């Protein structure tokens, strides 16, 4: 497998920049989008993992995840949020995971590596 590609969707440009920097420094290729609609218009060909914010204008992260899984059921999707009332126990994540902002970069990288290992198995 070549360089893993991670698509990132968040309406906060600071989060996009931070995740781009973290992931690229760890050897991932990234493509970033400010909305679910922008990602869906671009498509997911060649994407290995999706990271999406939950609370966005238009389609939220849950809706995006569900739409993506209809076409790509094996794609790991990581949901991120700063909202404390949302818990990982209340929303099944299937392939992927759930991270509350701010999250530890090492924990995110370990989760991504685990998802890629599972995907290759």
Protein backbone atom coordinates (compact mmCIF):
# COMPACT_ATOMS: atom_id res chain seq x y z
CA UNK A 1 0.00 0.00 0.00
CA UNK A 2 1.25 3.49 -0.84
CA UNK A 3 0.84 6.61 1.23
CA UNK A 4 -2.51 6.47 3.04
CA UNK A 5 -4.92 9.26 2.07
CA UNK A 6 -7.06 10.89 4.76
CA UNK A 7 -10.00 13.13 3.85
CA UNK A 8 -10.74 15.74 6.53
CA UNK A 9 -14.06 17.60 6.78
CA UNK A 10 -14.46 20.48 9.23
CA UNK A 11 -15.96 23.94 8.89
CA UNK A 12 -13.25 25.43 11.15
CA UNK A 13 -10.18 26.30 9.04
CA UNK A 14 -7.95 26.12 12.14
CA UNK A 15 -8.94 22.51 12.74
CA UNK A 16 -8.34 21.66 9.07
CA UNK A 17 -4.88 23.25 9.17
CA UNK A 18 -3.99 21.55 12.46
CA UNK A 19 -5.08 18.11 11.27
CA UNK A 20 -3.35 18.60 7.90
CA UNK A 21 -0.10 19.44 9.66
CA UNK A 22 -0.33 16.57 12.16
CA UNK A 23 -1.23 13.94 9.56
CA UNK A 24 1.26 15.07 6.94
CA UNK A 25 4.05 15.07 9.55
CA UNK A 26 3.11 11.44 10.29
CA UNK A 27 3.35 10.44 6.62
CA UNK A 28 -0.28 10.66 5.51
CA UNK A 29 -1.53 12.49 2.43
CA UNK A 30 -4.51 14.71 3.21
CA UNK A 31 -7.33 16.38 1.34
CA UNK A 32 -9.45 18.90 3.22
CA UNK A 33 -13.00 20.14 2.82
CA UNK A 34 -14.98 22.84 4.64
CA UNK A 35 -18.30 20.97 4.29
CA UNK A 36 -19.81 17.55 3.77
CA UNK A 37 -21.24 18.75 0.47
CA UNK A 38 -17.78 19.74 -0.80
CA UNK A 39 -16.42 16.28 0.01
CA UNK A 40 -19.36 14.52 -1.63
CA UNK A 41 -18.97 16.67 -4.76
CA UNK A 42 -15.26 15.75 -4.91
CA UNK A 43 -15.81 12.04 -4.23
CA UNK A 44 -13.92 9.52 -2.17
CA UNK A 45 -11.95 7.58 -4.76
CA UNK A 46 -8.52 6.79 -3.33
CA UNK A 47 -9.43 7.88 0.22
CA UNK A 48 -8.39 5.41 2.93
CA UNK A 49 -9.87 7.14 5.99
CA UNK A 50 -12.37 9.95 6.61
CA UNK A 51 -12.23 12.32 9.58
CA UNK A 52 -15.28 14.55 9.94
CA UNK A 53 -16.54 17.07 12.42
CA UNK A 54 -20.03 16.35 13.71
CA UNK A 55 -21.41 19.88 14.05
CA UNK A 56 -21.35 21.58 10.65
CA UNK A 57 -23.77 23.66 8.60
CA UNK A 58 -25.63 21.61 6.00
CA UNK A 59 -25.06 17.88 6.37
CA UNK A 60 -23.59 17.11 9.79
CA UNK A 61 -20.96 14.48 10.47
CA UNK A 62 -23.47 11.74 11.26
CA UNK A 63 -25.33 12.32 7.99
CA UNK A 64 -22.05 12.42 6.07
CA UNK A 65 -20.89 9.17 7.68
CA UNK A 66 -24.16 7.45 6.83
CA UNK A 67 -24.10 8.67 3.21
CA UNK A 68 -20.47 7.61 2.79
CA UNK A 69 -21.10 4.16 4.28
CA UNK A 70 -23.93 3.52 1.79
CA UNK A 71 -21.35 3.57 -1.01
CA UNK A 72 -18.15 2.72 0.90
CA UNK A 73 -19.19 0.48 3.83
CA UNK A 74 -15.60 -0.50 4.65
CA UNK A 75 -14.25 3.07 4.87
CA UNK A 76 -13.16 3.94 8.42
CA UNK A 77 -14.87 7.16 9.53
CA UNK A 78 -13.69 9.09 12.58
CA UNK A 79 -16.17 11.54 14.08
CA UNK A 80 -14.81 14.53 15.99
CA UNK A 81 -16.71 17.03 18.11
CA UNK A 82 -16.30 19.69 20.74
CA UNK A 83 -19.85 19.14 21.99
CA UNK A 84 -19.74 17.44 25.37
CA UNK A 85 -23.33 16.17 25.28
CA UNK A 86 -22.44 13.78 22.45
CA UNK A 87 -20.78 10.60 23.63
CA UNK A 88 -19.25 7.70 21.80
CA UNK A 89 -21.64 5.37 23.63
CA UNK A 90 -24.68 7.18 22.22
CA UNK A 91 -23.54 7.02 18.59
CA UNK A 92 -22.12 3.81 17.18
CA UNK A 93 -19.10 4.48 15.01
CA UNK A 94 -18.70 1.09 13.34
CA UNK A 95 -15.44 1.16 11.41
CA UNK A 96 -13.56 4.17 12.72
CA UNK A 97 -14.00 5.97 15.98
CA UNK A 98 -15.07 8.98 17.97
CA UNK A 99 -12.84 11.75 19.35
CA UNK A 100 -13.77 14.73 21.47
CA UNK A 101 -11.98 18.03 20.77
CA UNK A 102 -9.40 18.83 21.86
CA UNK A 103 -7.93 15.38 21.35
CA UNK A 104 -4.45 14.04 21.74
CA UNK A 105 -2.59 13.85 18.42
CA UNK A 106 -0.86 10.62 19.40
CA UNK A 107 -4.23 9.01 20.19
CA UNK A 108 -5.57 10.06 16.79
CA UNK A 109 -2.53 8.69 14.96
CA UNK A 110 -2.77 5.41 16.86
CA UNK A 111 -6.46 5.13 16.00
CA UNK A 112 -5.77 5.80 12.31
CA UNK A 113 -2.98 3.21 12.25
CA UNK A 114 -5.29 0.67 13.89
CA UNK A 115 -8.03 1.37 11.33
CA UNK A 116 -5.59 0.94 8.45
CA UNK A 117 -4.27 -2.31 9.95
CA UNK A 118 -7.85 -3.61 10.29
CA UNK A 119 -8.66 -2.55 6.73
CA UNK A 120 -5.65 -4.45 5.37
CA UNK A 121 -6.37 -7.61 7.40
